[in-house]
Amino acid sequence: MPNQSLQQTTEGPFSFLPLMNLRKWLYRGGRPNWLASILNRLWAAVHALGIAPNYLVTLEAQGRRSGRRISLPLVMVTIEGERYLVSMLGTESAWVQNMKAAGGNVTLVHGRREEVHLEEVAVDQRAPVLKAYLKRAPGARQHFPIGKDAPLSEFEQVSAQFPVFRVVSWPLASLPNE
């Protein structure tokens, strides 16, 4: 029988680490630490090349304070032909604040660049998207207080904590006047 202390405690690429919740450590305080920042840059580059699965995208937005182009990897969920992005770190995550400061206008990259507008989904409509997101994004599961197989009613209870954005392509977007 294997040693109980060496059993897997997480899923995914870091599952070999015993008794250490690496994902929580990487995003302690709701912000990426130095290692998570490096890993995010690496994955953003891989996603942007288009060699990863098509639901792995790089979001580019202008930094609200620095003015620099910020890139980070995200998991996109498609439901009934609509594309969605979710903030696993909640409303205070930097990419959500940068995107809102840019009026919702960002660039998604996956082999090609696509200028899009992100529209926030109403809280009462987020639950099915959050459930699909948790099934698609194992790295986000540590940041949610419920499991990926929880009933929809539990997702409804936590939906206000996790912003969901519908991806609208530029020609279809009704953008506010500048």
N, C-alpha and C. Protein backbone atom coordinates (compact mmCIF):
# COMPACT_ATOMS: atom_id res chain seq x y z
N MET A 1 0.85 -1.19 0.00
CA MET A 1 0.00 0.00 0.00
C MET A 1 0.89 1.24 0.00
N PRO A 2 0.61 2.24 -0.87
CA PRO A 2 1.46 3.42 -0.94
C PRO A 2 1.37 4.26 0.33
N ASN A 3 2.41 5.00 0.57
CA ASN A 3 2.47 5.89 1.71
C ASN A 3 1.37 6.95 1.58
N GLN A 4 0.53 7.08 2.60
CA GLN A 4 -0.59 8.01 2.55
C GLN A 4 -0.12 9.45 2.39
N SER A 5 1.04 9.81 2.92
CA SER A 5 1.50 11.19 2.84
C SER A 5 1.93 11.58 1.43
N LEU A 6 2.09 10.59 0.54
CA LEU A 6 2.49 10.89 -0.83
C LEU A 6 1.33 10.85 -1.80
N GLN A 7 0.11 10.72 -1.29
CA GLN A 7 -1.04 10.71 -2.18
C GLN A 7 -1.21 12.08 -2.81
N GLN A 8 -1.84 12.09 -3.98
CA GLN A 8 -2.07 13.35 -4.67
C GLN A 8 -3.05 14.20 -3.90
N THR A 9 -2.74 15.49 -3.82
CA THR A 9 -3.63 16.41 -3.13
C THR A 9 -4.25 17.40 -4.09
N THR A 10 -3.75 17.48 -5.31
CA THR A 10 -4.32 18.36 -6.33
C THR A 10 -4.34 17.61 -7.64
N GLU A 11 -5.01 18.20 -8.62
CA GLU A 11 -5.02 17.62 -9.95
C GLU A 11 -4.08 18.44 -10.82
N GLY A 12 -3.74 17.92 -11.97
CA GLY A 12 -2.99 18.68 -12.94
C GLY A 12 -1.49 18.50 -12.83
N PRO A 13 -0.74 19.45 -13.42
CA PRO A 13 0.70 19.28 -13.54
C PRO A 13 1.47 19.27 -12.23
N PHE A 14 0.89 19.79 -11.16
CA PHE A 14 1.59 19.84 -9.89
C PHE A 14 1.09 18.78 -8.92
N SER A 15 0.38 17.79 -9.42
CA SER A 15 -0.23 16.79 -8.55
C SER A 15 0.80 15.90 -7.86
N PHE A 16 2.04 15.93 -8.32
CA PHE A 16 3.07 15.10 -7.70
C PHE A 16 3.56 15.67 -6.37
N LEU A 17 3.20 16.89 -6.05
CA LEU A 17 3.68 17.52 -4.82
C LEU A 17 2.81 17.09 -3.64
N PRO A 18 3.37 16.39 -2.68
CA PRO A 18 2.59 15.91 -1.55
C PRO A 18 2.28 17.02 -0.55
N LEU A 19 1.04 16.99 -0.04
CA LEU A 19 0.62 17.84 1.07
C LEU A 19 0.92 19.32 0.88
N MET A 20 0.91 19.78 -0.33
CA MET A 20 1.19 21.20 -0.56
C MET A 20 0.17 21.73 -1.54
N ASN A 21 -0.53 22.74 -1.15
CA ASN A 21 -1.52 23.32 -2.03
C ASN A 21 -0.84 24.41 -2.84
N LEU A 22 -0.13 24.00 -3.87
CA LEU A 22 0.69 24.91 -4.67
C LEU A 22 -0.14 25.99 -5.34
N ARG A 23 -1.27 25.63 -5.84
CA ARG A 23 -2.08 26.62 -6.56
C ARG A 23 -2.50 27.76 -5.66
N LYS A 24 -2.88 27.45 -4.44
CA LYS A 24 -3.25 28.52 -3.49
C LYS A 24 -2.04 29.38 -3.17
N TRP A 25 -0.88 28.75 -3.03
CA TRP A 25 0.34 29.49 -2.74
C TRP A 25 0.70 30.43 -3.89
N LEU A 26 0.50 29.96 -5.13
CA LEU A 26 0.84 30.79 -6.29
C LEU A 26 0.01 32.06 -6.34
N TYR A 27 -1.21 32.02 -5.81
CA TYR A 27 -2.12 33.17 -5.88
C TYR A 27 -2.54 33.63 -4.50
N ARG A 28 -1.65 33.54 -3.54
CA ARG A 28 -1.98 33.97 -2.18
C ARG A 28 -2.36 35.45 -2.20
N GLY A 29 -3.45 35.77 -1.51
CA GLY A 29 -3.91 37.14 -1.46
C GLY A 29 -4.63 37.58 -2.74
N GLY A 30 -4.94 36.63 -3.62
CA GLY A 30 -5.67 36.98 -4.84
C GLY A 30 -4.81 37.56 -5.93
N ARG A 31 -3.50 37.55 -5.75
CA ARG A 31 -2.57 38.08 -6.75
C ARG A 31 -1.50 37.04 -7.02
N PRO A 32 -1.01 36.97 -8.25
CA PRO A 32 0.05 36.00 -8.54
C PRO A 32 1.36 36.39 -7.86
N ASN A 33 2.04 35.41 -7.26
CA ASN A 33 3.36 35.70 -6.70
C ASN A 33 4.38 35.69 -7.83
N TRP A 34 5.66 35.77 -7.52
CA TRP A 34 6.70 35.88 -8.54
C TRP A 34 6.73 34.67 -9.46
N LEU A 35 6.55 33.47 -8.89
CA LEU A 35 6.58 32.27 -9.71
C LEU A 35 5.35 32.19 -10.61
N ALA A 36 4.19 32.51 -10.06
CA ALA A 36 2.97 32.50 -10.87
C ALA A 36 3.07 33.52 -12.01
N SER A 37 3.69 34.66 -11.76
CA SER A 37 3.86 35.67 -12.82
C SER A 37 4.72 35.13 -13.96
N ILE A 38 5.78 34.43 -13.61
CA ILE A 38 6.65 33.84 -14.64
C ILE A 38 5.89 32.77 -15.41
N LEU A 39 5.19 31.89 -14.69
CA LEU A 39 4.42 30.83 -15.34
C LEU A 39 3.32 31.42 -16.22
N ASN A 40 2.67 32.48 -15.75
CA ASN A 40 1.63 33.12 -16.56
C ASN A 40 2.20 33.67 -17.86
N ARG A 41 3.37 34.29 -17.79
CA ARG A 41 4.01 34.80 -19.02
C ARG A 41 4.32 33.67 -19.99
N LEU A 42 4.84 32.58 -19.45
CA LEU A 42 5.16 31.43 -20.29
C LEU A 42 3.90 30.87 -20.96
N TRP A 43 2.85 30.63 -20.17
CA TRP A 43 1.62 30.07 -20.73
C TRP A 43 0.94 31.05 -21.67
N ALA A 44 1.01 32.35 -21.38
CA ALA A 44 0.43 33.33 -22.30
C ALA A 44 1.10 33.24 -23.66
N ALA A 45 2.40 33.07 -23.68
CA ALA A 45 3.13 32.93 -24.94
C ALA A 45 2.72 31.66 -25.67
N VAL A 46 2.60 30.55 -24.96
CA VAL A 46 2.20 29.28 -25.57
C VAL A 46 0.78 29.39 -26.13
N HIS A 47 -0.15 29.95 -25.35
CA HIS A 47 -1.53 30.09 -25.80
C HIS A 47 -1.60 30.99 -27.03
N ALA A 48 -0.83 32.07 -27.03
CA ALA A 48 -0.86 33.02 -28.14
C ALA A 48 -0.38 32.39 -29.44
N LEU A 49 0.55 31.46 -29.35
CA LEU A 49 1.05 30.79 -30.55
C LEU A 49 -0.02 29.94 -31.24
N GLY A 50 -1.04 29.56 -30.49
CA GLY A 50 -2.11 28.76 -31.07
C GLY A 50 -1.82 27.28 -31.08
N ILE A 51 -0.79 26.85 -30.36
CA ILE A 51 -0.47 25.42 -30.34
C ILE A 51 -1.17 24.69 -29.20
N ALA A 52 -1.75 25.42 -28.28
CA ALA A 52 -2.53 24.82 -27.19
C ALA A 52 -3.96 24.61 -27.68
N PRO A 53 -4.77 23.86 -26.96
CA PRO A 53 -6.18 23.71 -27.36
C PRO A 53 -6.85 25.07 -27.53
N ASN A 54 -7.85 25.14 -28.40
CA ASN A 54 -8.44 26.43 -28.76
C ASN A 54 -9.17 27.14 -27.62
N TYR A 55 -9.46 26.46 -26.53
CA TYR A 55 -10.10 27.13 -25.40
C TYR A 55 -9.08 27.83 -24.48
N LEU A 56 -7.80 27.63 -24.74
CA LEU A 56 -6.75 28.32 -23.99
C LEU A 56 -6.33 29.54 -24.79
N VAL A 57 -6.60 30.71 -24.25
CA VAL A 57 -6.33 31.96 -24.97
C VAL A 57 -5.45 32.87 -24.13
N THR A 58 -4.85 33.83 -24.79
CA THR A 58 -4.12 34.88 -24.10
C THR A 58 -4.95 36.15 -24.20
N LEU A 59 -5.22 36.77 -23.06
CA LEU A 59 -5.92 38.04 -23.02
C LEU A 59 -4.88 39.14 -22.93
N GLU A 60 -4.99 40.13 -23.79
CA GLU A 60 -4.11 41.29 -23.73
C GLU A 60 -4.97 42.51 -23.43
N ALA A 61 -4.54 43.28 -22.45
CA ALA A 61 -5.24 44.51 -22.08
C ALA A 61 -4.20 45.54 -21.68
N GLN A 62 -4.56 46.78 -21.80
CA GLN A 62 -3.65 47.85 -21.38
C GLN A 62 -3.72 47.98 -19.86
N GLY A 63 -2.55 48.03 -19.23
CA GLY A 63 -2.50 48.20 -17.78
C GLY A 63 -3.07 49.55 -17.39
N ARG A 64 -3.97 49.60 -16.44
CA ARG A 64 -4.64 50.85 -16.07
C ARG A 64 -3.70 51.84 -15.40
N ARG A 65 -2.64 51.37 -14.78
CA ARG A 65 -1.66 52.26 -14.15
C ARG A 65 -0.41 52.45 -14.98
N SER A 66 0.12 51.35 -15.51
CA SER A 66 1.39 51.41 -16.23
C SER A 66 1.22 51.83 -17.69
N GLY A 67 0.05 51.54 -18.26
CA GLY A 67 -0.16 51.82 -19.67
C GLY A 67 0.46 50.77 -20.58
N ARG A 68 1.21 49.83 -19.99
CA ARG A 68 1.84 48.75 -20.78
C ARG A 68 0.81 47.70 -21.15
N ARG A 69 1.11 46.97 -22.20
CA ARG A 69 0.27 45.85 -22.63
C ARG A 69 0.51 44.69 -21.68
N ILE A 70 -0.54 44.21 -21.03
CA ILE A 70 -0.47 43.10 -20.09
C ILE A 70 -1.05 41.87 -20.78
N SER A 71 -0.35 40.75 -20.70
CA SER A 71 -0.82 39.50 -21.30
C SER A 71 -0.95 38.44 -20.22
N LEU A 72 -2.05 37.69 -20.28
CA LEU A 72 -2.17 36.59 -19.35
C LEU A 72 -3.02 35.48 -19.93
N PRO A 73 -2.70 34.23 -19.54
CA PRO A 73 -3.44 33.09 -20.08
C PRO A 73 -4.77 32.92 -19.36
N LEU A 74 -5.80 32.60 -20.15
CA LEU A 74 -7.12 32.34 -19.59
C LEU A 74 -7.74 31.13 -20.28
N VAL A 75 -8.74 30.59 -19.63
CA VAL A 75 -9.52 29.49 -20.19
C VAL A 75 -10.86 30.07 -20.65
N MET A 76 -11.21 29.82 -21.90
CA MET A 76 -12.46 30.29 -22.45
C MET A 76 -13.46 29.13 -22.49
N VAL A 77 -14.69 29.43 -22.16
CA VAL A 77 -15.76 28.43 -22.18
C VAL A 77 -16.75 28.82 -23.27
N THR A 78 -17.19 27.85 -24.04
CA THR A 78 -18.21 28.10 -25.06
C THR A 78 -19.47 27.33 -24.69
N ILE A 79 -20.58 28.07 -24.63
CA ILE A 79 -21.88 27.47 -24.32
C ILE A 79 -22.88 28.00 -25.35
N GLU A 80 -23.50 27.07 -26.06
CA GLU A 80 -24.50 27.41 -27.08
C GLU A 80 -23.97 28.47 -28.05
N GLY A 81 -22.72 28.32 -28.45
CA GLY A 81 -22.13 29.22 -29.43
C GLY A 81 -21.61 30.53 -28.88
N GLU A 82 -21.85 30.80 -27.62
CA GLU A 82 -21.36 32.03 -26.98
C GLU A 82 -20.07 31.72 -26.23
N ARG A 83 -19.11 32.64 -26.31
CA ARG A 83 -17.83 32.46 -25.62
C ARG A 83 -17.81 33.30 -24.34
N TYR A 84 -17.19 32.73 -23.29
CA TYR A 84 -17.16 33.39 -21.99
C TYR A 84 -15.77 33.28 -21.36
N LEU A 85 -15.41 34.32 -20.60
CA LEU A 85 -14.21 34.31 -19.77
C LEU A 85 -14.64 34.49 -18.32
N VAL A 86 -13.93 33.84 -17.41
CA VAL A 86 -14.25 33.88 -15.98
C VAL A 86 -13.01 34.32 -15.21
N SER A 87 -13.21 35.13 -14.20
CA SER A 87 -12.12 35.51 -13.31
C SER A 87 -12.11 34.57 -12.11
N MET A 88 -11.13 33.66 -12.08
CA MET A 88 -11.06 32.70 -10.97
C MET A 88 -10.67 33.36 -9.66
N LEU A 89 -10.09 34.58 -9.73
CA LEU A 89 -9.68 35.27 -8.52
C LEU A 89 -10.68 36.33 -8.07
N GLY A 90 -11.82 36.39 -8.73
CA GLY A 90 -12.88 37.29 -8.30
C GLY A 90 -12.81 38.67 -8.93
N THR A 91 -13.60 39.56 -8.36
CA THR A 91 -13.79 40.90 -8.93
C THR A 91 -12.57 41.79 -8.83
N GLU A 92 -11.70 41.51 -7.89
CA GLU A 92 -10.54 42.38 -7.67
C GLU A 92 -9.30 41.97 -8.47
N SER A 93 -9.41 40.97 -9.32
CA SER A 93 -8.23 40.54 -10.08
C SER A 93 -7.80 41.66 -11.02
N ALA A 94 -6.51 41.73 -11.26
CA ALA A 94 -5.94 42.82 -12.05
C ALA A 94 -6.49 42.83 -13.47
N TRP A 95 -6.67 41.66 -14.09
CA TRP A 95 -7.14 41.68 -15.48
C TRP A 95 -8.56 42.21 -15.57
N VAL A 96 -9.39 41.94 -14.58
CA VAL A 96 -10.77 42.47 -14.59
C VAL A 96 -10.73 43.98 -14.45
N GLN A 97 -9.92 44.48 -13.55
CA GLN A 97 -9.82 45.93 -13.37
C GLN A 97 -9.24 46.62 -14.60
N ASN A 98 -8.21 46.01 -15.21
CA ASN A 98 -7.63 46.58 -16.44
C ASN A 98 -8.65 46.57 -17.57
N MET A 99 -9.38 45.48 -17.71
CA MET A 99 -10.38 45.36 -18.77
C MET A 99 -11.49 46.41 -18.58
N LYS A 100 -11.93 46.58 -17.36
CA LYS A 100 -12.98 47.57 -17.10
C LYS A 100 -12.47 48.99 -17.36
N ALA A 101 -11.21 49.25 -17.00
CA ALA A 101 -10.63 50.57 -17.26
C ALA A 101 -10.52 50.84 -18.76
N ALA A 102 -10.40 49.78 -19.55
CA ALA A 102 -10.32 49.90 -21.02
C ALA A 102 -11.71 49.87 -21.66
N GLY A 103 -12.76 49.97 -20.86
CA GLY A 103 -14.11 49.97 -21.40
C GLY A 103 -14.56 48.62 -21.91
N GLY A 104 -13.89 47.55 -21.47
CA GLY A 104 -14.24 46.20 -21.91
C GLY A 104 -13.56 45.78 -23.20
N ASN A 105 -12.75 46.65 -23.77
CA ASN A 105 -12.09 46.36 -25.04
C ASN A 105 -10.72 45.74 -24.81
N VAL A 106 -10.54 44.51 -25.28
CA VAL A 106 -9.30 43.76 -25.09
C VAL A 106 -8.98 42.99 -26.37
N THR A 107 -7.85 42.32 -26.35
CA THR A 107 -7.46 41.47 -27.47
C THR A 107 -7.32 40.04 -26.95
N LEU A 108 -7.88 39.10 -27.70
CA LEU A 108 -7.68 37.68 -27.42
C LEU A 108 -6.74 37.15 -28.49
N VAL A 109 -5.78 36.34 -28.06
CA VAL A 109 -4.81 35.78 -28.99
C VAL A 109 -4.78 34.27 -28.84
N HIS A 110 -4.92 33.59 -29.96
CA HIS A 110 -4.75 32.14 -30.04
C HIS A 110 -4.39 31.84 -31.49
N GLY A 111 -3.13 32.03 -31.79
CA GLY A 111 -2.68 31.86 -33.17
C GLY A 111 -2.94 33.10 -34.01
N ARG A 112 -4.01 33.79 -33.74
CA ARG A 112 -4.33 35.06 -34.40
C ARG A 112 -4.87 36.02 -33.37
N ARG A 113 -4.81 37.28 -33.68
CA ARG A 113 -5.29 38.32 -32.76
C ARG A 113 -6.74 38.64 -33.08
N GLU A 114 -7.54 38.79 -32.05
CA GLU A 114 -8.94 39.15 -32.24
C GLU A 114 -9.30 40.25 -31.25
N GLU A 115 -9.66 41.40 -31.79
CA GLU A 115 -10.12 42.51 -30.95
C GLU A 115 -11.55 42.19 -30.54
N VAL A 116 -11.82 42.22 -29.24
CA VAL A 116 -13.15 41.87 -28.74
C VAL A 116 -13.59 42.87 -27.67
N HIS A 117 -14.85 42.80 -27.36
CA HIS A 117 -15.43 43.57 -26.27
C HIS A 117 -15.99 42.56 -25.27
N LEU A 118 -15.69 42.74 -23.99
CA LEU A 118 -16.20 41.84 -22.96
C LEU A 118 -17.37 42.50 -22.24
N GLU A 119 -18.49 41.78 -22.22
CA GLU A 119 -19.69 42.26 -21.54
C GLU A 119 -19.91 41.42 -20.28
N GLU A 120 -20.06 42.08 -19.15
CA GLU A 120 -20.27 41.34 -17.91
C GLU A 120 -21.65 40.68 -17.91
N VAL A 121 -21.66 39.43 -17.50
CA VAL A 121 -22.90 38.65 -17.44
C VAL A 121 -23.56 38.91 -16.09
N ALA A 122 -24.88 39.07 -16.10
CA ALA A 122 -25.63 39.31 -14.86
C ALA A 122 -25.42 38.14 -13.90
N VAL A 123 -25.39 38.46 -12.62
CA VAL A 123 -25.13 37.46 -11.58
C VAL A 123 -26.08 36.28 -11.68
N ASP A 124 -27.36 36.54 -11.95
CA ASP A 124 -28.34 35.45 -11.99
C ASP A 124 -28.20 34.56 -13.23
N GLN A 125 -27.31 34.90 -14.16
CA GLN A 125 -27.09 34.10 -15.36
C GLN A 125 -25.72 33.43 -15.39
N ARG A 126 -24.94 33.58 -14.34
CA ARG A 126 -23.56 33.08 -14.33
C ARG A 126 -23.41 31.60 -14.00
N ALA A 127 -24.31 31.03 -13.26
CA ALA A 127 -24.13 29.67 -12.72
C ALA A 127 -23.79 28.63 -13.78
N PRO A 128 -24.50 28.53 -14.91
CA PRO A 128 -24.14 27.49 -15.89
C PRO A 128 -22.75 27.71 -16.49
N VAL A 129 -22.36 28.97 -16.63
CA VAL A 129 -21.03 29.27 -17.17
C VAL A 129 -19.95 28.88 -16.16
N LEU A 130 -20.18 29.20 -14.89
CA LEU A 130 -19.21 28.84 -13.86
C LEU A 130 -19.04 27.33 -13.76
N LYS A 131 -20.14 26.60 -13.87
CA LYS A 131 -20.06 25.14 -13.81
C LYS A 131 -19.25 24.59 -14.99
N ALA A 132 -19.52 25.09 -16.18
CA ALA A 132 -18.77 24.66 -17.37
C ALA A 132 -17.30 25.06 -17.25
N TYR A 133 -17.06 26.23 -16.68
CA TYR A 133 -15.69 26.71 -16.51
C TYR A 133 -14.89 25.79 -15.58
N LEU A 134 -15.48 25.42 -14.46
CA LEU A 134 -14.76 24.54 -13.52
C LEU A 134 -14.47 23.17 -14.13
N LYS A 135 -15.34 22.70 -15.00
CA LYS A 135 -15.08 21.42 -15.66
C LYS A 135 -13.93 21.56 -16.66
N ARG A 136 -13.78 22.73 -17.28
CA ARG A 136 -12.78 22.96 -18.31
C ARG A 136 -11.44 23.40 -17.73
N ALA A 137 -11.44 24.06 -16.58
CA ALA A 137 -10.23 24.69 -16.03
C ALA A 137 -9.85 24.08 -14.68
N PRO A 138 -9.11 22.97 -14.66
CA PRO A 138 -8.76 22.35 -13.38
C PRO A 138 -7.92 23.26 -12.48
N GLY A 139 -7.13 24.15 -13.06
CA GLY A 139 -6.31 25.05 -12.26
C GLY A 139 -7.12 26.05 -11.46
N ALA A 140 -8.37 26.27 -11.84
CA ALA A 140 -9.21 27.24 -11.14
C ALA A 140 -9.95 26.63 -9.96
N ARG A 141 -10.00 25.32 -9.90
CA ARG A 141 -10.83 24.65 -8.89
C ARG A 141 -10.43 24.98 -7.46
N GLN A 142 -9.15 25.21 -7.23
CA GLN A 142 -8.69 25.53 -5.88
C GLN A 142 -9.20 26.89 -5.40
N HIS A 143 -9.64 27.74 -6.31
CA HIS A 143 -10.08 29.08 -5.96
C HIS A 143 -11.59 29.18 -5.75
N PHE A 144 -12.30 28.09 -6.00
CA PHE A 144 -13.75 28.07 -5.84
C PHE A 144 -14.11 27.29 -4.58
N PRO A 145 -15.12 27.76 -3.84
CA PRO A 145 -15.51 27.07 -2.61
C PRO A 145 -16.37 25.83 -2.85
N ILE A 146 -16.65 25.51 -4.12
CA ILE A 146 -17.47 24.35 -4.45
C ILE A 146 -16.75 23.52 -5.51
N GLY A 147 -17.15 22.27 -5.64
CA GLY A 147 -16.53 21.37 -6.60
C GLY A 147 -17.16 21.48 -7.98
N LYS A 148 -16.46 20.95 -8.97
CA LYS A 148 -16.91 21.04 -10.36
C LYS A 148 -18.20 20.27 -10.60
N ASP A 149 -18.50 19.29 -9.77
CA ASP A 149 -19.71 18.49 -9.94
C ASP A 149 -20.85 18.91 -9.02
N ALA A 150 -20.69 20.05 -8.36
CA ALA A 150 -21.74 20.55 -7.47
C ALA A 150 -23.00 20.86 -8.28
N PRO A 151 -24.17 20.79 -7.64
CA PRO A 151 -25.40 21.13 -8.37
C PRO A 151 -25.42 22.62 -8.74
N LEU A 152 -26.18 22.94 -9.76
CA LEU A 152 -26.26 24.31 -10.26
C LEU A 152 -26.66 25.29 -9.16
N SER A 153 -27.48 24.85 -8.22
CA SER A 153 -27.93 25.72 -7.13
C SER A 153 -26.74 26.22 -6.29
N GLU A 154 -25.70 25.40 -6.13
CA GLU A 154 -24.52 25.84 -5.38
C GLU A 154 -23.73 26.87 -6.18
N PHE A 155 -23.69 26.71 -7.49
CA PHE A 155 -23.03 27.71 -8.33
C PHE A 155 -23.78 29.04 -8.27
N GLU A 156 -25.10 28.97 -8.18
CA GLU A 156 -25.90 30.19 -8.06
C GLU A 156 -25.55 30.95 -6.79
N GLN A 157 -25.26 30.21 -5.71
CA GLN A 157 -24.95 30.85 -4.43
C GLN A 157 -23.61 31.59 -4.44
N VAL A 158 -22.65 31.15 -5.26
CA VAL A 158 -21.33 31.79 -5.28
C VAL A 158 -21.12 32.66 -6.52
N SER A 159 -22.11 32.77 -7.38
CA SER A 159 -21.92 33.45 -8.66
C SER A 159 -21.55 34.93 -8.53
N ALA A 160 -21.95 35.59 -7.47
CA ALA A 160 -21.60 37.00 -7.31
C ALA A 160 -20.11 37.20 -7.04
N GLN A 161 -19.43 36.16 -6.58
CA GLN A 161 -18.00 36.26 -6.24
C GLN A 161 -17.08 36.15 -7.45
N PHE A 162 -17.60 35.62 -8.58
CA PHE A 162 -16.75 35.33 -9.73
C PHE A 162 -17.33 35.97 -10.99
N PRO A 163 -16.72 37.06 -11.45
CA PRO A 163 -17.22 37.73 -12.65
C PRO A 163 -17.12 36.84 -13.89
N VAL A 164 -18.13 36.93 -14.72
CA VAL A 164 -18.19 36.20 -15.98
C VAL A 164 -18.40 37.24 -17.08
N PHE A 165 -17.67 37.09 -18.18
CA PHE A 165 -17.76 38.05 -19.28
C PHE A 165 -18.04 37.32 -20.59
N ARG A 166 -19.01 37.82 -21.32
CA ARG A 166 -19.32 37.28 -22.65
C ARG A 166 -18.40 37.97 -23.65
N VAL A 167 -17.79 37.18 -24.53
CA VAL A 167 -16.88 37.69 -25.54
C VAL A 167 -17.70 38.08 -26.76
N VAL A 168 -17.60 39.35 -27.16
CA VAL A 168 -18.32 39.85 -28.32
C VAL A 168 -17.30 40.32 -29.34
N SER A 169 -17.35 39.76 -30.55
CA SER A 169 -16.43 40.19 -31.61
C SER A 169 -16.74 41.63 -32.00
N TRP A 170 -15.73 42.36 -32.43
CA TRP A 170 -15.87 43.78 -32.74
C TRP A 170 -17.03 44.11 -33.67
N PRO A 171 -17.20 43.45 -34.80
CA PRO A 171 -18.28 43.87 -35.70
C PRO A 171 -19.65 43.77 -35.06
N LEU A 172 -19.79 42.85 -34.09
CA LEU A 172 -21.10 42.66 -33.45
C LEU A 172 -21.27 43.50 -32.19
N ALA A 173 -20.18 44.04 -31.69
CA ALA A 173 -20.23 44.76 -30.41
C ALA A 173 -20.89 46.13 -30.59
N SER A 174 -21.74 46.44 -29.65
CA SER A 174 -22.31 47.80 -29.62
C SER A 174 -21.52 48.56 -28.57
N LEU A 175 -20.47 49.20 -29.03
CA LEU A 175 -19.53 49.86 -28.11
C LEU A 175 -20.03 51.24 -27.76
N PRO A 176 -19.76 51.69 -26.53
CA PRO A 176 -20.15 53.05 -26.15
C PRO A 176 -19.33 54.06 -26.96
N ASN A 177 -19.92 55.24 -27.14
CA ASN A 177 -19.21 56.29 -27.86
C ASN A 177 -17.97 56.71 -27.08
N GLU A 178 -16.92 56.99 -27.81
CA GLU A 178 -15.65 57.36 -27.16
C GLU A 178 -15.57 58.86 -27.02
